[in-house]
Amino acid sequence: MTIPVQITFRHMETSAAVETRVRELADHLGVFSDRITSCRVVLDSPHRHQHQGKVFNVKVQLALPGEDVVVDMERPQRDGHEDVYVVLRDAFDAARRQLQARMASIRGDEKRRDIPS
């Protein structure tokens, strides 16, 4: 399933390779739900005076009937992501987990706990 994806770059140059990776990750989320109507991704590289290297923040918003799934991977300065591909992976992994939990609750699945004998 191909999900319509809107990608916004803030405070950084656009990149065809990053756009391609975002689209791949977004399309993979379609495996977990056919209810996704769109995906918005904002990649931001805010200027940090006291930090060496670039830091990337990513926000992923999946539009679903009802409530959207939103992941905002913004880290404090000391724990920032310096590789855009790593922060994309982390953001989409978090989105996948939220999406799976959402689909499980829609299906009525409950977390099963092992009760010790």
PDB file of N, CA and C in Angstrom:
ATOM      1  N   MET A   1       0.842  -1.180   0.000  1.00  0.00           N
ATOM      2  CA  MET A   1       0.000   0.000   0.000  1.00  0.00           C
ATOM      3  C   MET A   1       0.885   1.241   0.000  1.00  0.00           C
ATOM      4  N   THR A   2       0.646   2.137  -0.926  1.00  0.00           N
ATOM      5  CA  THR A   2       1.403   3.376  -0.982  1.00  0.00           C
ATOM      6  C   THR A   2       0.649   4.455  -0.208  1.00  0.00           C
ATOM      7  N   ILE A   3       1.317   5.000   0.764  1.00  0.00           N
ATOM      8  CA  ILE A   3       0.735   6.018   1.632  1.00  0.00           C
ATOM      9  C   ILE A   3       1.180   7.388   1.129  1.00  0.00           C
ATOM     10  N   PRO A   4       0.242   8.336   0.967  1.00  0.00           N
ATOM     11  CA  PRO A   4       0.660   9.687   0.584  1.00  0.00           C
ATOM     12  C   PRO A   4       1.540  10.306   1.681  1.00  0.00           C
ATOM     13  N   VAL A   5       2.704  10.776   1.300  1.00  0.00           N
ATOM     14  CA  VAL A   5       3.670  11.304   2.266  1.00  0.00           C
ATOM     15  C   VAL A   5       3.980  12.756   1.939  1.00  0.00           C
ATOM     16  N   GLN A   6       3.928  13.603   2.963  1.00  0.00           N
ATOM     17  CA  GLN A   6       4.333  15.004   2.832  1.00  0.00           C
ATOM     18  C   GLN A   6       5.591  15.179   3.676  1.00  0.00           C
ATOM     19  N   ILE A   7       6.673  15.611   3.056  1.00  0.00           N
ATOM     20  CA  ILE A   7       7.955  15.755   3.740  1.00  0.00           C
ATOM     21  C   ILE A   7       8.348  17.228   3.749  1.00  0.00           C
ATOM     22  N   THR A   8       8.685  17.738   4.949  1.00  0.00           N
ATOM     23  CA  THR A   8       9.110  19.120   5.099  1.00  0.00           C
ATOM     24  C   THR A   8      10.497  19.144   5.723  1.00  0.00           C
ATOM     25  N   PHE A   9      11.397  19.892   5.098  1.00  0.00           N
ATOM     26  CA  PHE A   9      12.745  20.092   5.634  1.00  0.00           C
ATOM     27  C   PHE A   9      12.806  21.492   6.220  1.00  0.00           C
ATOM     28  N   ARG A  10      13.234  21.600   7.469  1.00  0.00           N
ATOM     29  CA  ARG A  10      13.397  22.907   8.113  1.00  0.00           C
ATOM     30  C   ARG A  10      14.841  23.075   8.545  1.00  0.00           C
ATOM     31  N   HIS A  11      15.383  24.232   8.261  1.00  0.00           N
ATOM     32  CA  HIS A  11      16.751  24.591   8.649  1.00  0.00           C
ATOM     33  C   HIS A  11      17.787  23.615   8.106  1.00  0.00           C
ATOM     34  N   MET A  12      17.488  23.007   6.964  1.00  0.00           N
ATOM     35  CA  MET A  12      18.437  22.094   6.340  1.00  0.00           C
ATOM     36  C   MET A  12      18.099  21.980   4.856  1.00  0.00           C
ATOM     37  N   GLU A  13      19.063  21.533   4.085  1.00  0.00           N
ATOM     38  CA  GLU A  13      18.875  21.342   2.653  1.00  0.00           C
ATOM     39  C   GLU A  13      18.017  20.108   2.408  1.00  0.00           C
ATOM     40  N   THR A  14      17.215  20.153   1.348  1.00  0.00           N
ATOM     41  CA  THR A  14      16.451  18.963   0.981  1.00  0.00           C
ATOM     42  C   THR A  14      17.405  17.913   0.440  1.00  0.00           C
ATOM     43  N   SER A  15      17.025  16.661   0.574  1.00  0.00           N
ATOM     44  CA  SER A  15      17.870  15.562   0.144  1.00  0.00           C
ATOM     45  C   SER A  15      16.996  14.491  -0.493  1.00  0.00           C
ATOM     46  N   ALA A  16      17.305  14.140  -1.732  1.00  0.00           N
ATOM     47  CA  ALA A  16      16.550  13.099  -2.424  1.00  0.00           C
ATOM     48  C   ALA A  16      16.718  11.751  -1.721  1.00  0.00           C
ATOM     49  N   ALA A  17      17.912  11.482  -1.207  1.00  0.00           N
ATOM     50  CA  ALA A  17      18.156  10.207  -0.518  1.00  0.00           C
ATOM     51  C   ALA A  17      17.337  10.117   0.759  1.00  0.00           C
ATOM     52  N   VAL A  18      17.256  11.200   1.517  1.00  0.00           N
ATOM     53  CA  VAL A  18      16.466  11.207   2.748  1.00  0.00           C
ATOM     54  C   VAL A  18      14.982  11.078   2.411  1.00  0.00           C
ATOM     55  N   GLU A  19      14.533  11.782   1.373  1.00  0.00           N
ATOM     56  CA  GLU A  19      13.131  11.671   0.958  1.00  0.00           C
ATOM     57  C   GLU A  19      12.790  10.240   0.576  1.00  0.00           C
ATOM     58  N   THR A  20      13.672   9.591  -0.161  1.00  0.00           N
ATOM     59  CA  THR A  20      13.451   8.197  -0.558  1.00  0.00           C
ATOM     60  C   THR A  20      13.347   7.305   0.661  1.00  0.00           C
ATOM     61  N   ARG A  21      14.230   7.507   1.639  1.00  0.00           N
ATOM     62  CA  ARG A  21      14.198   6.684   2.856  1.00  0.00           C
ATOM     63  C   ARG A  21      12.912   6.922   3.648  1.00  0.00           C
ATOM     64  N   VAL A  22      12.464   8.167   3.738  1.00  0.00           N
ATOM     65  CA  VAL A  22      11.214   8.477   4.443  1.00  0.00           C
ATOM     66  C   VAL A  22      10.053   7.757   3.769  1.00  0.00           C
ATOM     67  N   ARG A  23       9.997   7.794   2.451  1.00  0.00           N
ATOM     68  CA  ARG A  23       8.908   7.137   1.721  1.00  0.00           C
ATOM     69  C   ARG A  23       8.941   5.626   1.918  1.00  0.00           C
ATOM     70  N   GLU A  24      10.125   5.029   1.948  1.00  0.00           N
ATOM     71  CA  GLU A  24      10.249   3.586   2.204  1.00  0.00           C
ATOM     72  C   GLU A  24       9.720   3.243   3.593  1.00  0.00           C
ATOM     73  N   LEU A  25      10.139   4.026   4.593  1.00  0.00           N
ATOM     74  CA  LEU A  25       9.705   3.767   5.962  1.00  0.00           C
ATOM     75  C   LEU A  25       8.199   3.962   6.114  1.00  0.00           C
ATOM     76  N   ALA A  26       7.653   4.978   5.473  1.00  0.00           N
ATOM     77  CA  ALA A  26       6.210   5.238   5.540  1.00  0.00           C
ATOM     78  C   ALA A  26       5.436   4.109   4.871  1.00  0.00           C
ATOM     79  N   ASP A  27       5.893   3.668   3.708  1.00  0.00           N
ATOM     80  CA  ASP A  27       5.208   2.571   3.013  1.00  0.00           C
ATOM     81  C   ASP A  27       5.233   1.290   3.838  1.00  0.00           C
ATOM     82  N   HIS A  28       6.325   1.074   4.565  1.00  0.00           N
ATOM     83  CA  HIS A  28       6.414  -0.127   5.413  1.00  0.00           C
ATOM     84  C   HIS A  28       5.356  -0.112   6.518  1.00  0.00           C
ATOM     85  N   LEU A  29       4.972   1.070   6.985  1.00  0.00           N
ATOM     86  CA  LEU A  29       3.931   1.149   8.021  1.00  0.00           C
ATOM     87  C   LEU A  29       2.588   0.652   7.497  1.00  0.00           C
ATOM     88  N   GLY A  30       2.401   0.691   6.181  1.00  0.00           N
ATOM     89  CA  GLY A  30       1.175   0.179   5.586  1.00  0.00           C
ATOM     90  C   GLY A  30       0.975  -1.308   5.819  1.00  0.00           C
ATOM     91  N   VAL A  31       2.042  -2.027   6.127  1.00  0.00           N
ATOM     92  CA  VAL A  31       1.950  -3.452   6.453  1.00  0.00           C
ATOM     93  C   VAL A  31       1.162  -3.648   7.754  1.00  0.00           C
ATOM     94  N   PHE A  32       1.263  -2.696   8.657  1.00  0.00           N
ATOM     95  CA  PHE A  32       0.658  -2.823   9.971  1.00  0.00           C
ATOM     96  C   PHE A  32      -0.771  -2.290  10.037  1.00  0.00           C
ATOM     97  N   SER A  33      -1.139  -1.452   9.076  1.00  0.00           N
ATOM     98  CA  SER A  33      -2.506  -0.923   9.050  1.00  0.00           C
ATOM     99  C   SER A  33      -2.853  -0.409   7.664  1.00  0.00           C
ATOM    100  N   ASP A  34      -4.048  -0.772   7.215  1.00  0.00           N
ATOM    101  CA  ASP A  34      -4.526  -0.240   5.939  1.00  0.00           C
ATOM    102  C   ASP A  34      -5.402   0.990   6.161  1.00  0.00           C
ATOM    103  N   ARG A  35      -5.454   1.476   7.400  1.00  0.00           N
ATOM    104  CA  ARG A  35      -6.270   2.639   7.746  1.00  0.00           C
ATOM    105  C   ARG A  35      -5.515   3.964   7.667  1.00  0.00           C
ATOM    106  N   ILE A  36      -4.231   3.928   7.384  1.00  0.00           N
ATOM    107  CA  ILE A  36      -3.434   5.157   7.305  1.00  0.00           C
ATOM    108  C   ILE A  36      -3.851   5.912   6.049  1.00  0.00           C
ATOM    109  N   THR A  37      -4.302   7.146   6.221  1.00  0.00           N
ATOM    110  CA  THR A  37      -4.727   7.941   5.069  1.00  0.00           C
ATOM    111  C   THR A  37      -3.626   8.872   4.571  1.00  0.00           C
ATOM    112  N   SER A  38      -2.712   9.267   5.448  1.00  0.00           N
ATOM    113  CA  SER A  38      -1.575  10.089   5.031  1.00  0.00           C
ATOM    114  C   SER A  38      -0.500  10.078   6.107  1.00  0.00           C
ATOM    115  N   CYS A  39       0.668  10.525   5.702  1.00  0.00           N
ATOM    116  CA  CYS A  39       1.804  10.596   6.615  1.00  0.00           C
ATOM    117  C   CYS A  39       2.506  11.930   6.381  1.00  0.00           C
ATOM    118  N   ARG A  40       2.720  12.677   7.468  1.00  0.00           N
ATOM    119  CA  ARG A  40       3.474  13.930   7.395  1.00  0.00           C
ATOM    120  C   ARG A  40       4.750  13.763   8.191  1.00  0.00           C
ATOM    121  N   VAL A  41       5.852  14.162   7.597  1.00  0.00           N
ATOM    122  CA  VAL A  41       7.149  14.058   8.257  1.00  0.00           C
ATOM    123  C   VAL A  41       7.834  15.414   8.185  1.00  0.00           C
ATOM    124  N   VAL A  42       8.282  15.900   9.346  1.00  0.00           N
ATOM    125  CA  VAL A  42       9.033  17.157   9.402  1.00  0.00           C
ATOM    126  C   VAL A  42      10.427  16.826   9.929  1.00  0.00           C
ATOM    127  N   LEU A  43      11.442  17.145   9.121  1.00  0.00           N
ATOM    128  CA  LEU A  43      12.835  16.973   9.525  1.00  0.00           C
ATOM    129  C   LEU A  43      13.387  18.349   9.822  1.00  0.00           C
ATOM    130  N   ASP A  44      13.991  18.486  10.991  1.00  0.00           N
ATOM    131  CA  ASP A  44      14.462  19.788  11.439  1.00  0.00           C
ATOM    132  C   ASP A  44      15.895  19.652  11.940  1.00  0.00           C
ATOM    133  N   SER A  45      16.709  20.624  11.614  1.00  0.00           N
ATOM    134  CA  SER A  45      18.070  20.683  12.136  1.00  0.00           C
ATOM    135  C   SER A  45      18.268  22.059  12.753  1.00  0.00           C
ATOM    136  N   PRO A  46      17.766  22.234  13.980  1.00  0.00           N
ATOM    137  CA  PRO A  46      17.878  23.554  14.609  1.00  0.00           C
ATOM    138  C   PRO A  46      19.330  23.907  14.888  1.00  0.00           C
ATOM    139  N   HIS A  47      19.603  25.185  14.841  1.00  0.00           N
ATOM    140  CA  HIS A  47      20.956  25.663  15.104  1.00  0.00           C
ATOM    141  C   HIS A  47      21.223  25.584  16.603  1.00  0.00           C
ATOM    142  N   ARG A  48      22.320  24.944  16.968  1.00  0.00           N
ATOM    143  CA  ARG A  48      22.702  24.816  18.380  1.00  0.00           C
ATOM    144  C   ARG A  48      24.099  25.396  18.536  1.00  0.00           C
ATOM    145  N   HIS A  49      24.220  26.467  19.289  1.00  0.00           N
ATOM    146  CA  HIS A  49      25.516  27.136  19.433  1.00  0.00           C
ATOM    147  C   HIS A  49      26.531  26.303  20.204  1.00  0.00           C
ATOM    148  N   GLN A  50      26.104  25.574  21.216  1.00  0.00           N
ATOM    149  CA  GLN A  50      27.053  24.882  22.087  1.00  0.00           C
ATOM    150  C   GLN A  50      27.212  23.417  21.727  1.00  0.00           C
ATOM    151  N   HIS A  51      26.735  23.002  20.576  1.00  0.00           N
ATOM    152  CA  HIS A  51      26.802  21.592  20.209  1.00  0.00           C
ATOM    153  C   HIS A  51      27.691  21.430  18.990  1.00  0.00           C
ATOM    154  N   GLN A  52      28.533  20.432  19.026  1.00  0.00           N
ATOM    155  CA  GLN A  52      29.394  20.141  17.886  1.00  0.00           C
ATOM    156  C   GLN A  52      28.596  19.275  16.914  1.00  0.00           C
ATOM    157  N   GLY A  53      28.613  19.589  15.657  1.00  0.00           N
ATOM    158  CA  GLY A  53      27.893  18.805  14.663  1.00  0.00           C
ATOM    159  C   GLY A  53      26.421  19.174  14.611  1.00  0.00           C
ATOM    160  N   LYS A  54      25.729  18.600  13.640  1.00  0.00           N
ATOM    161  CA  LYS A  54      24.310  18.875  13.471  1.00  0.00           C
ATOM    162  C   LYS A  54      23.481  17.919  14.314  1.00  0.00           C
ATOM    163  N   VAL A  55      22.339  18.417  14.750  1.00  0.00           N
ATOM    164  CA  VAL A  55      21.388  17.601  15.490  1.00  0.00           C
ATOM    165  C   VAL A  55      20.104  17.596  14.673  1.00  0.00           C
ATOM    166  N   PHE A  56      19.471  16.438  14.547  1.00  0.00           N
ATOM    167  CA  PHE A  56      18.253  16.320  13.762  1.00  0.00           C
ATOM    168  C   PHE A  56      17.083  15.934  14.648  1.00  0.00           C
ATOM    169  N   ASN A  57      15.968  16.591  14.428  1.00  0.00           N
ATOM    170  CA  ASN A  57      14.707  16.250  15.079  1.00  0.00           C
ATOM    171  C   ASN A  57      13.743  15.820  13.980  1.00  0.00           C
ATOM    172  N   VAL A  58      12.902  14.828  14.285  1.00  0.00           N
ATOM    173  CA  VAL A  58      11.926  14.345  13.315  1.00  0.00           C
ATOM    174  C   VAL A  58      10.572  14.232  13.988  1.00  0.00           C
ATOM    175  N   LYS A  59       9.552  14.700  13.277  1.00  0.00           N
ATOM    176  CA  LYS A  59       8.174  14.527  13.742  1.00  0.00           C
ATOM    177  C   LYS A  59       7.429  13.747  12.664  1.00  0.00           C
ATOM    178  N   VAL A  60       6.764  12.665  13.076  1.00  0.00           N
ATOM    179  CA  VAL A  60       5.982  11.829  12.172  1.00  0.00           C
ATOM    180  C   VAL A  60       4.534  11.883  12.638  1.00  0.00           C
ATOM    181  N   GLN A  61       3.632  12.192  11.715  1.00  0.00           N
ATOM    182  CA  GLN A  61       2.202  12.214  12.026  1.00  0.00           C
ATOM    183  C   GLN A  61       1.491  11.325  11.022  1.00  0.00           C
ATOM    184  N   LEU A  62       0.847  10.268  11.536  1.00  0.00           N
ATOM    185  CA  LEU A  62       0.072   9.370  10.694  1.00  0.00           C
ATOM    186  C   LEU A  62      -1.398   9.705  10.872  1.00  0.00           C
ATOM    187  N   ALA A  63      -2.071  10.019   9.779  1.00  0.00           N
ATOM    188  CA  ALA A  63      -3.496  10.326   9.847  1.00  0.00           C
ATOM    189  C   ALA A  63      -4.279   9.018   9.759  1.00  0.00           C
ATOM    190  N   LEU A  64      -5.097   8.786  10.780  1.00  0.00           N
ATOM    191  CA  LEU A  64      -5.959   7.608  10.856  1.00  0.00           C
ATOM    192  C   LEU A  64      -7.369   8.073  11.190  1.00  0.00           C
ATOM    193  N   PRO A  65      -8.376   7.278  10.846  1.00  0.00           N
ATOM    194  CA  PRO A  65      -9.717   7.630  11.302  1.00  0.00           C
ATOM    195  C   PRO A  65      -9.722   7.688  12.828  1.00  0.00           C
ATOM    196  N   GLY A  66     -10.283   8.723  13.366  1.00  0.00           N
ATOM    197  CA  GLY A  66     -10.251   8.895  14.821  1.00  0.00           C
ATOM    198  C   GLY A  66      -9.055   9.741  15.203  1.00  0.00           C
ATOM    199  N   GLU A  67      -8.191   9.181  15.994  1.00  0.00           N
ATOM    200  CA  GLU A  67      -7.042   9.912  16.525  1.00  0.00           C
ATOM    201  C   GLU A  67      -5.775   9.605  15.733  1.00  0.00           C
ATOM    202  N   ASP A  68      -4.990  10.643  15.418  1.00  0.00           N
ATOM    203  CA  ASP A  68      -3.729  10.456  14.695  1.00  0.00           C
ATOM    204  C   ASP A  68      -2.663   9.847  15.597  1.00  0.00           C
ATOM    205  N   VAL A  69      -1.683   9.215  14.980  1.00  0.00           N
ATOM    206  CA  VAL A  69      -0.490   8.743  15.678  1.00  0.00           C
ATOM    207  C   VAL A  69       0.585   9.797  15.438  1.00  0.00           C
ATOM    208  N   VAL A  70       1.147  10.327  16.529  1.00  0.00           N
ATOM    209  CA  VAL A  70       2.153  11.380  16.417  1.00  0.00           C
ATOM    210  C   VAL A  70       3.396  10.981  17.210  1.00  0.00           C
ATOM    211  N   VAL A  71       4.542  11.084  16.555  1.00  0.00           N
ATOM    212  CA  VAL A  71       5.826  10.816  17.199  1.00  0.00           C
ATOM    213  C   VAL A  71       6.696  12.035  16.985  1.00  0.00           C
ATOM    214  N   ASP A  72       7.248  12.566  18.065  1.00  0.00           N
ATOM    215  CA  ASP A  72       8.123  13.734  17.981  1.00  0.00           C
ATOM    216  C   ASP A  72       9.462  13.354  18.595  1.00  0.00           C
ATOM    217  N   MET A  73      10.446  13.121  17.751  1.00  0.00           N
ATOM    218  CA  MET A  73      11.774  12.726  18.214  1.00  0.00           C
ATOM    219  C   MET A  73      12.637  13.971  18.380  1.00  0.00           C
ATOM    220  N   GLU A  74      12.358  14.721  19.430  1.00  0.00           N
ATOM    221  CA  GLU A  74      13.165  15.886  19.742  1.00  0.00           C
ATOM    222  C   GLU A  74      13.916  15.562  21.023  1.00  0.00           C
ATOM    223  N   ARG A  75      15.197  15.617  20.946  1.00  0.00           N
ATOM    224  CA  ARG A  75      16.036  15.229  22.074  1.00  0.00           C
ATOM    225  C   ARG A  75      16.670  16.448  22.722  1.00  0.00           C
ATOM    226  N   PRO A  76      16.943  16.364  24.015  1.00  0.00           N
ATOM    227  CA  PRO A  76      17.727  17.435  24.645  1.00  0.00           C
ATOM    228  C   PRO A  76      19.096  17.527  23.980  1.00  0.00           C
ATOM    229  N   GLN A  77      19.728  18.640  24.160  1.00  0.00           N
ATOM    230  CA  GLN A  77      20.994  18.906  23.484  1.00  0.00           C
ATOM    231  C   GLN A  77      22.036  17.821  23.730  1.00  0.00           C
ATOM    232  N   ARG A  78      22.144  17.316  24.928  1.00  0.00           N
ATOM    233  CA  ARG A  78      23.186  16.345  25.235  1.00  0.00           C
ATOM    234  C   ARG A  78      22.913  14.966  24.650  1.00  0.00           C
ATOM    235  N   ASP A  79      21.669  14.726  24.224  1.00  0.00           N
ATOM    236  CA  ASP A  79      21.286  13.413  23.730  1.00  0.00           C
ATOM    237  C   ASP A  79      20.777  13.506  22.297  1.00  0.00           C
ATOM    238  N   GLY A  80      21.233  14.510  21.557  1.00  0.00           N
ATOM    239  CA  GLY A  80      20.718  14.752  20.216  1.00  0.00           C
ATOM    240  C   GLY A  80      21.154  13.695  19.219  1.00  0.00           C
ATOM    241  N   HIS A  81      20.397  13.591  18.154  1.00  0.00           N
ATOM    242  CA  HIS A  81      20.719  12.673  17.072  1.00  0.00           C
ATOM    243  C   HIS A  81      21.578  13.414  16.052  1.00  0.00           C
ATOM    244  N   GLU A  82      22.730  12.864  15.756  1.00  0.00           N
ATOM    245  CA  GLU A  82      23.629  13.506  14.813  1.00  0.00           C
ATOM    246  C   GLU A  82      23.599  12.839  13.444  1.00  0.00           C
ATOM    247  N   ASP A  83      22.847  11.769  13.283  1.00  0.00           N
ATOM    248  CA  ASP A  83      22.714  11.088  12.000  1.00  0.00           C
ATOM    249  C   ASP A  83      21.237  11.082  11.639  1.00  0.00           C
ATOM    250  N   VAL A  84      20.879  11.719  10.533  1.00  0.00           N
ATOM    251  CA  VAL A  84      19.468  11.848  10.163  1.00  0.00           C
ATOM    252  C   VAL A  84      18.830  10.473   9.951  1.00  0.00           C
ATOM    253  N   TYR A  85      19.590   9.507   9.456  1.00  0.00           N
ATOM    254  CA  TYR A  85      19.031   8.173   9.217  1.00  0.00           C
ATOM    255  C   TYR A  85      18.730   7.443  10.525  1.00  0.00           C
ATOM    256  N   VAL A  86      19.526   7.690  11.553  1.00  0.00           N
ATOM    257  CA  VAL A  86      19.279   7.078  12.863  1.00  0.00           C
ATOM    258  C   VAL A  86      18.013   7.656  13.485  1.00  0.00           C
ATOM    259  N   VAL A  87      17.851   8.964  13.419  1.00  0.00           N
ATOM    260  CA  VAL A  87      16.656   9.570  14.005  1.00  0.00           C
ATOM    261  C   VAL A  87      15.414   9.178  13.206  1.00  0.00           C
ATOM    262  N   LEU A  88      15.536   9.025  11.903  1.00  0.00           N
ATOM    263  CA  LEU A  88      14.401   8.539  11.106  1.00  0.00           C
ATOM    264  C   LEU A  88      14.015   7.129  11.523  1.00  0.00           C
ATOM    265  N   ARG A  89      15.003   6.267  11.661  1.00  0.00           N
ATOM    266  CA  ARG A  89      14.740   4.886  12.095  1.00  0.00           C
ATOM    267  C   ARG A  89      14.031   4.875  13.438  1.00  0.00           C
ATOM    268  N   ASP A  90      14.558   5.645  14.399  1.00  0.00           N
ATOM    269  CA  ASP A  90      13.968   5.681  15.739  1.00  0.00           C
ATOM    270  C   ASP A  90      12.545   6.225  15.713  1.00  0.00           C
ATOM    271  N   ALA A  91      12.318   7.273  14.937  1.00  0.00           N
ATOM    272  CA  ALA A  91      10.986   7.876  14.867  1.00  0.00           C
ATOM    273  C   ALA A  91       9.984   6.914  14.241  1.00  0.00           C
ATOM    274  N   PHE A  92      10.366   6.265  13.159  1.00  0.00           N
ATOM    275  CA  PHE A  92       9.435   5.340  12.513  1.00  0.00           C
ATOM    276  C   PHE A  92       9.248   4.063  13.326  1.00  0.00           C
ATOM    277  N   ASP A  93      10.266   3.632  14.084  1.00  0.00           N
ATOM    278  CA  ASP A  93      10.079   2.500  14.995  1.00  0.00           C
ATOM    279  C   ASP A  93       9.057   2.850  16.074  1.00  0.00           C
ATOM    280  N   ALA A  94       9.154   4.060  16.618  1.00  0.00           N
ATOM    281  CA  ALA A  94       8.193   4.509  17.630  1.00  0.00           C
ATOM    282  C   ALA A  94       6.790   4.616  17.027  1.00  0.00           C
ATOM    283  N   ALA A  95       6.696   5.114  15.802  1.00  0.00           N
ATOM    284  CA  ALA A  95       5.398   5.213  15.117  1.00  0.00           C
ATOM    285  C   ALA A  95       4.808   3.823  14.890  1.00  0.00           C
ATOM    286  N   ARG A  96       5.661   2.873  14.505  1.00  0.00           N
ATOM    287  CA  ARG A  96       5.197   1.497  14.295  1.00  0.00           C
ATOM    288  C   ARG A  96       4.650   0.900  15.581  1.00  0.00           C
ATOM    289  N   ARG A  97       5.366   1.101  16.687  1.00  0.00           N
ATOM    290  CA  ARG A  97       4.895   0.560  17.977  1.00  0.00           C
ATOM    291  C   ARG A  97       3.560   1.176  18.367  1.00  0.00           C
ATOM    292  N   GLN A  98       3.422   2.501  18.198  1.00  0.00           N
ATOM    293  CA  GLN A  98       2.154   3.163  18.521  1.00  0.00           C
ATOM    294  C   GLN A  98       1.039   2.670  17.608  1.00  0.00           C
ATOM    295  N   LEU A  99       1.351   2.496  16.330  1.00  0.00           N
ATOM    296  CA  LEU A  99       0.364   2.023  15.369  1.00  0.00           C
ATOM    297  C   LEU A  99      -0.080   0.601  15.704  1.00  0.00           C
ATOM    298  N   GLN A 100       0.869  -0.265  16.041  1.00  0.00           N
ATOM    299  CA  GLN A 100       0.524  -1.636  16.414  1.00  0.00           C
ATOM    300  C   GLN A 100      -0.350  -1.656  17.664  1.00  0.00           C
ATOM    301  N   ALA A 101      -0.024  -0.821  18.643  1.00  0.00           N
ATOM    302  CA  ALA A 101      -0.837  -0.760  19.864  1.00  0.00           C
ATOM    303  C   ALA A 101      -2.236  -0.253  19.534  1.00  0.00           C
ATOM    304  N   ARG A 102      -2.324   0.728  18.666  1.00  0.00           N
ATOM    305  CA  ARG A 102      -3.622   1.284  18.261  1.00  0.00           C
ATOM    306  C   ARG A 102      -4.471   0.245  17.546  1.00  0.00           C
ATOM    307  N   MET A 103      -3.855  -0.503  16.630  1.00  0.00           N
ATOM    308  CA  MET A 103      -4.585  -1.533  15.895  1.00  0.00           C
ATOM    309  C   MET A 103      -5.014  -2.663  16.826  1.00  0.00           C
ATOM    310  N   ALA A 104      -4.173  -2.999  17.793  1.00  0.00           N
ATOM    311  CA  ALA A 104      -4.532  -4.040  18.762  1.00  0.00           C
ATOM    312  C   ALA A 104      -5.732  -3.605  19.598  1.00  0.00           C
ATOM    313  N   SER A 105      -5.765  -2.336  19.995  1.00  0.00           N
ATOM    314  CA  SER A 105      -6.898  -1.862  20.799  1.00  0.00           C
ATOM    315  C   SER A 105      -8.171  -1.808  19.963  1.00  0.00           C
ATOM    316  N   ILE A 106      -8.055  -1.492  18.689  1.00  0.00           N
ATOM    317  CA  ILE A 106      -9.226  -1.489  17.809  1.00  0.00           C
ATOM    318  C   ILE A 106      -9.771  -2.913  17.647  1.00  0.00           C
ATOM    319  N   ARG A 107      -8.866  -3.886  17.523  1.00  0.00           N
ATOM    320  CA  ARG A 107      -9.285  -5.282  17.392  1.00  0.00           C
ATOM    321  C   ARG A 107      -9.797  -5.847  18.709  1.00  0.00           C
ATOM    322  N   GLY A 108      -9.493  -5.160  19.805  1.00  0.00           N
ATOM    323  CA  GLY A 108      -9.921  -5.640  21.116  1.00  0.00           C
ATOM    324  C   GLY A 108      -8.933  -6.577  21.766  1.00  0.00           C
ATOM    325  N   ASP A 109      -7.722  -6.631  21.226  1.00  0.00           N
ATOM    326  CA  ASP A 109      -6.682  -7.468  21.833  1.00  0.00           C
ATOM    327  C   ASP A 109      -6.274  -6.870  23.165  1.00  0.00           C
ATOM    328  N   GLU A 110      -5.934  -7.733  24.099  1.00  0.00           N
ATOM    329  CA  GLU A 110      -5.400  -7.282  25.375  1.00  0.00           C
ATOM    330  C   GLU A 110      -4.016  -7.855  25.533  1.00  0.00           C
ATOM    331  N   LYS A 111      -3.207  -7.158  26.295  1.00  0.00           N
ATOM    332  CA  LYS A 111      -1.894  -7.703  26.594  1.00  0.00           C
ATOM    333  C   LYS A 111      -2.107  -8.895  27.520  1.00  0.00           C
ATOM    334  N   ARG A 112      -1.475  -9.979  27.200  1.00  0.00           N
ATOM    335  CA  ARG A 112      -1.596 -11.179  28.029  1.00  0.00           C
ATOM    336  C   ARG A 112      -0.421 -11.209  28.994  1.00  0.00           C
ATOM    337  N   ARG A 113      -0.730 -11.523  30.209  1.00  0.00           N
ATOM    338  CA  ARG A 113       0.326 -11.634  31.228  1.00  0.00           C
ATOM    339  C   ARG A 113       0.453 -13.085  31.620  1.00  0.00           C
ATOM    340  N   ASP A 114       1.687 -13.503  31.731  1.00  0.00           N
ATOM    341  CA  ASP A 114       1.922 -14.868  32.201  1.00  0.00           C
ATOM    342  C   ASP A 114       1.741 -14.887  33.710  1.00  0.00           C
ATOM    343  N   ILE A 115       0.854 -15.722  34.151  1.00  0.00           N
ATOM    344  CA  ILE A 115       0.606 -15.846  35.590  1.00  0.00           C
ATOM    345  C   ILE A 115       1.422 -17.020  36.093  1.00  0.00           C
ATOM    346  N   PRO A 116       2.342 -16.760  37.043  1.00  0.00           N
ATOM    347  CA  PRO A 116       3.162 -17.861  37.550  1.00  0.00           C
ATOM    348  C   PRO A 116       2.299 -18.859  38.313  1.00  0.00           C
ATOM    349  N   SER A 117       2.633 -20.133  38.139  1.00  0.00           N
ATOM    350  CA  SER A 117       1.855 -21.189  38.811  1.00  0.00           C
ATOM    351  C   SER A 117       2.272 -21.365  40.241  1.00  0.00           C
TER     352      SER A 117
END
